[in-house]
Amino acid sequence: MPQLNIYLDERTQAKARQAAKREGCSLSSWARQQLSAAADTGKVWPKGYFDLYASIDDPEFKAPERLSENLDAPREGL
């Protein structure tokens, strides 16, 4: 397997080690996951994105009134 050497300042390395520990994996495995996710930007949703669906728990929240389609500007032909 190819290897990659990177140079980190002490603070960044400590934060990376803490993140790996939180996720229960090695620093190398955590870094590989982070690099892979960063390389796939635009192909995946942010972590926890779908947990937000229907998460508004406010009885006063009401969906906005649907606007009439007659308010749209006329469309130009292609």
N, C-alpha and C. Protein backbone atom coordinates (compact mmCIF):
# COMPACT_ATOMS: atom_id res chain seq x y z
N MET A 1 0.85 -1.16 0.00
CA MET A 1 0.00 0.00 0.00
C MET A 1 0.91 1.24 0.00
N PRO A 2 0.60 2.23 -0.84
CA PRO A 2 1.39 3.45 -0.87
C PRO A 2 1.31 4.19 0.47
N GLN A 3 2.35 4.95 0.76
CA GLN A 3 2.38 5.71 1.99
C GLN A 3 2.49 7.19 1.67
N LEU A 4 2.01 8.01 2.59
CA LEU A 4 2.06 9.46 2.46
C LEU A 4 2.60 10.04 3.76
N ASN A 5 3.60 10.87 3.67
CA ASN A 5 4.13 11.57 4.84
C ASN A 5 3.63 13.00 4.81
N ILE A 6 3.11 13.46 5.94
CA ILE A 6 2.68 14.85 6.03
C ILE A 6 3.28 15.46 7.29
N TYR A 7 3.41 16.77 7.29
CA TYR A 7 3.95 17.48 8.43
C TYR A 7 2.83 18.30 9.06
N LEU A 8 2.62 18.10 10.36
CA LEU A 8 1.57 18.80 11.10
C LEU A 8 2.19 19.54 12.27
N ASP A 9 1.59 20.66 12.62
CA ASP A 9 2.01 21.32 13.84
C ASP A 9 1.45 20.52 15.02
N GLU A 10 1.98 20.77 16.20
CA GLU A 10 1.60 19.99 17.39
C GLU A 10 0.09 20.05 17.66
N ARG A 11 -0.49 21.23 17.53
CA ARG A 11 -1.92 21.41 17.83
C ARG A 11 -2.79 20.60 16.87
N THR A 12 -2.46 20.66 15.59
CA THR A 12 -3.25 19.93 14.59
C THR A 12 -3.12 18.42 14.80
N GLN A 13 -1.90 17.97 15.12
CA GLN A 13 -1.71 16.55 15.36
C GLN A 13 -2.51 16.09 16.58
N ALA A 14 -2.53 16.89 17.62
CA ALA A 14 -3.29 16.53 18.83
C ALA A 14 -4.78 16.45 18.51
N LYS A 15 -5.28 17.42 17.73
CA LYS A 15 -6.70 17.40 17.36
C LYS A 15 -7.02 16.17 16.50
N ALA A 16 -6.12 15.81 15.60
CA ALA A 16 -6.34 14.63 14.74
C ALA A 16 -6.34 13.36 15.59
N ARG A 17 -5.43 13.27 16.53
CA ARG A 17 -5.38 12.09 17.42
C ARG A 17 -6.67 11.97 18.25
N GLN A 18 -7.16 13.11 18.76
CA GLN A 18 -8.41 13.11 19.53
C GLN A 18 -9.59 12.67 18.66
N ALA A 19 -9.64 13.15 17.43
CA ALA A 19 -10.72 12.77 16.52
C ALA A 19 -10.68 11.28 16.22
N ALA A 20 -9.49 10.75 16.00
CA ALA A 20 -9.34 9.31 15.74
C ALA A 20 -9.78 8.50 16.95
N LYS A 21 -9.40 8.97 18.12
CA LYS A 21 -9.78 8.27 19.36
C LYS A 21 -11.30 8.28 19.52
N ARG A 22 -11.93 9.44 19.26
CA ARG A 22 -13.40 9.55 19.36
C ARG A 22 -14.08 8.55 18.43
N GLU A 23 -13.51 8.36 17.24
CA GLU A 23 -14.13 7.45 16.27
C GLU A 23 -13.66 6.01 16.44
N GLY A 24 -12.78 5.78 17.40
CA GLY A 24 -12.34 4.43 17.71
C GLY A 24 -11.49 3.79 16.63
N CYS A 25 -10.63 4.58 16.00
CA CYS A 25 -9.76 4.02 14.97
C CYS A 25 -8.37 4.60 15.10
N SER A 26 -7.45 4.05 14.35
CA SER A 26 -6.07 4.55 14.39
C SER A 26 -5.99 5.90 13.70
N LEU A 27 -4.94 6.64 14.00
CA LEU A 27 -4.72 7.94 13.36
C LEU A 27 -4.59 7.77 11.85
N SER A 28 -3.90 6.74 11.43
CA SER A 28 -3.72 6.48 10.01
C SER A 28 -5.05 6.20 9.32
N SER A 29 -5.89 5.39 9.95
CA SER A 29 -7.20 5.07 9.38
C SER A 29 -8.08 6.31 9.34
N TRP A 30 -8.05 7.11 10.40
CA TRP A 30 -8.84 8.34 10.44
C TRP A 30 -8.41 9.30 9.34
N ALA A 31 -7.10 9.48 9.19
CA ALA A 31 -6.58 10.38 8.16
C ALA A 31 -6.97 9.89 6.77
N ARG A 32 -6.90 8.58 6.55
CA ARG A 32 -7.29 8.01 5.25
C ARG A 32 -8.77 8.30 4.96
N GLN A 33 -9.63 8.15 5.96
CA GLN A 33 -11.06 8.43 5.78
C GLN A 33 -11.29 9.91 5.46
N GLN A 34 -10.58 10.79 6.19
CA GLN A 34 -10.74 12.22 5.97
C GLN A 34 -10.26 12.64 4.58
N LEU A 35 -9.13 12.11 4.16
CA LEU A 35 -8.60 12.44 2.84
C LEU A 35 -9.52 11.92 1.74
N SER A 36 -10.03 10.72 1.93
CA SER A 36 -10.94 10.15 0.94
C SER A 36 -12.22 10.98 0.82
N ALA A 37 -12.77 11.38 1.96
CA ALA A 37 -13.99 12.20 1.96
C ALA A 37 -13.73 13.56 1.32
N ALA A 38 -12.58 14.15 1.61
CA ALA A 38 -12.25 15.46 1.04
C ALA A 38 -12.07 15.36 -0.47
N ALA A 39 -11.53 14.26 -0.94
CA ALA A 39 -11.32 14.06 -2.38
C ALA A 39 -12.63 13.86 -3.11
N ASP A 40 -13.66 13.39 -2.39
CA ASP A 40 -14.97 13.14 -3.00
C ASP A 40 -15.93 14.30 -2.79
N THR A 41 -15.42 15.48 -2.49
CA THR A 41 -16.28 16.64 -2.24
C THR A 41 -17.25 16.82 -3.39
N GLY A 42 -18.50 17.06 -3.04
CA GLY A 42 -19.52 17.23 -4.06
C GLY A 42 -20.26 15.93 -4.37
N LYS A 43 -19.70 14.81 -3.93
CA LYS A 43 -20.33 13.51 -4.19
C LYS A 43 -21.06 12.98 -2.97
N VAL A 44 -20.81 13.58 -1.81
CA VAL A 44 -21.43 13.08 -0.59
C VAL A 44 -22.05 14.24 0.18
N TRP A 45 -23.04 13.94 0.98
CA TRP A 45 -23.68 14.94 1.83
C TRP A 45 -22.87 15.07 3.11
N PRO A 46 -22.88 16.23 3.74
CA PRO A 46 -22.14 16.39 5.00
C PRO A 46 -22.65 15.43 6.07
N LYS A 47 -21.76 15.05 6.96
CA LYS A 47 -22.11 14.14 8.04
C LYS A 47 -23.26 14.72 8.85
N GLY A 48 -24.30 13.93 9.10
CA GLY A 48 -25.44 14.35 9.89
C GLY A 48 -26.49 15.13 9.10
N TYR A 49 -26.28 15.30 7.79
CA TYR A 49 -27.20 16.09 6.98
C TYR A 49 -28.63 15.54 7.04
N PHE A 50 -28.78 14.25 6.86
CA PHE A 50 -30.11 13.66 6.82
C PHE A 50 -30.76 13.54 8.20
N ASP A 51 -29.97 13.71 9.25
CA ASP A 51 -30.54 13.72 10.59
C ASP A 51 -31.38 14.97 10.81
N LEU A 52 -31.16 16.00 9.99
CA LEU A 52 -31.90 17.25 10.14
C LEU A 52 -33.29 17.18 9.55
N TYR A 53 -33.54 16.22 8.67
CA TYR A 53 -34.84 16.11 8.01
C TYR A 53 -35.95 15.99 9.04
N ALA A 54 -36.93 16.85 8.95
CA ALA A 54 -38.10 16.87 9.84
C ALA A 54 -37.70 17.05 11.31
N SER A 55 -36.60 17.75 11.54
CA SER A 55 -36.12 17.91 12.91
C SER A 55 -36.67 19.16 13.60
N ILE A 56 -37.45 19.97 12.90
CA ILE A 56 -38.01 21.15 13.53
C ILE A 56 -39.16 20.72 14.43
N ASP A 57 -38.98 20.96 15.70
CA ASP A 57 -40.00 20.57 16.68
C ASP A 57 -40.56 21.84 17.31
N ASP A 58 -41.30 22.59 16.51
CA ASP A 58 -41.85 23.86 16.96
C ASP A 58 -43.31 23.91 16.53
N PRO A 59 -44.25 23.86 17.48
CA PRO A 59 -45.66 23.83 17.11
C PRO A 59 -46.12 25.09 16.36
N GLU A 60 -45.36 26.16 16.47
CA GLU A 60 -45.74 27.39 15.78
C GLU A 60 -45.19 27.46 14.36
N PHE A 61 -44.34 26.50 14.00
CA PHE A 61 -43.79 26.49 12.65
C PHE A 61 -44.87 26.09 11.65
N LYS A 62 -45.00 26.87 10.61
CA LYS A 62 -45.97 26.56 9.55
C LYS A 62 -45.29 26.70 8.21
N ALA A 63 -45.58 25.79 7.32
CA ALA A 63 -45.02 25.87 5.97
C ALA A 63 -45.52 27.14 5.31
N PRO A 64 -44.67 27.81 4.54
CA PRO A 64 -45.12 29.04 3.89
C PRO A 64 -46.19 28.77 2.85
N GLU A 65 -47.01 29.77 2.62
CA GLU A 65 -48.08 29.67 1.64
C GLU A 65 -47.46 29.53 0.25
N ARG A 66 -48.01 28.65 -0.56
CA ARG A 66 -47.49 28.46 -1.92
C ARG A 66 -47.90 29.66 -2.77
N LEU A 67 -46.93 30.22 -3.49
CA LEU A 67 -47.20 31.36 -4.34
C LEU A 67 -47.81 30.91 -5.66
N SER A 68 -48.59 31.78 -6.25
CA SER A 68 -49.24 31.47 -7.52
C SER A 68 -48.20 31.40 -8.63
N GLU A 69 -48.38 30.47 -9.54
CA GLU A 69 -47.48 30.36 -10.69
C GLU A 69 -47.63 31.55 -11.63
N ASN A 70 -48.73 32.29 -11.51
CA ASN A 70 -48.93 33.48 -12.35
C ASN A 70 -47.93 34.58 -12.03
N LEU A 71 -47.26 34.49 -10.88
CA LEU A 71 -46.29 35.49 -10.51
C LEU A 71 -44.93 35.26 -11.17
N ASP A 72 -44.75 34.11 -11.80
CA ASP A 72 -43.49 33.82 -12.49
C ASP A 72 -43.30 34.76 -13.69
N ALA A 73 -42.05 35.06 -13.97
CA ALA A 73 -41.75 35.85 -15.16
C ALA A 73 -41.94 34.97 -16.39
N PRO A 74 -42.30 35.56 -17.53
CA PRO A 74 -42.44 34.74 -18.74
C PRO A 74 -41.10 34.13 -19.12
N ARG A 75 -41.13 32.93 -19.63
CA ARG A 75 -39.91 32.23 -20.02
C ARG A 75 -39.59 32.49 -21.47
N GLU A 76 -38.32 32.60 -21.74
CA GLU A 76 -37.87 32.80 -23.12
C GLU A 76 -37.65 31.46 -23.78
N GLY A 77 -37.89 31.39 -25.06
CA GLY A 77 -37.64 30.15 -25.80
C GLY A 77 -36.16 29.94 -25.99
N LEU A 78 -35.77 28.71 -26.20
CA LEU A 78 -34.35 28.39 -26.39
C LEU A 78 -33.93 28.57 -27.80
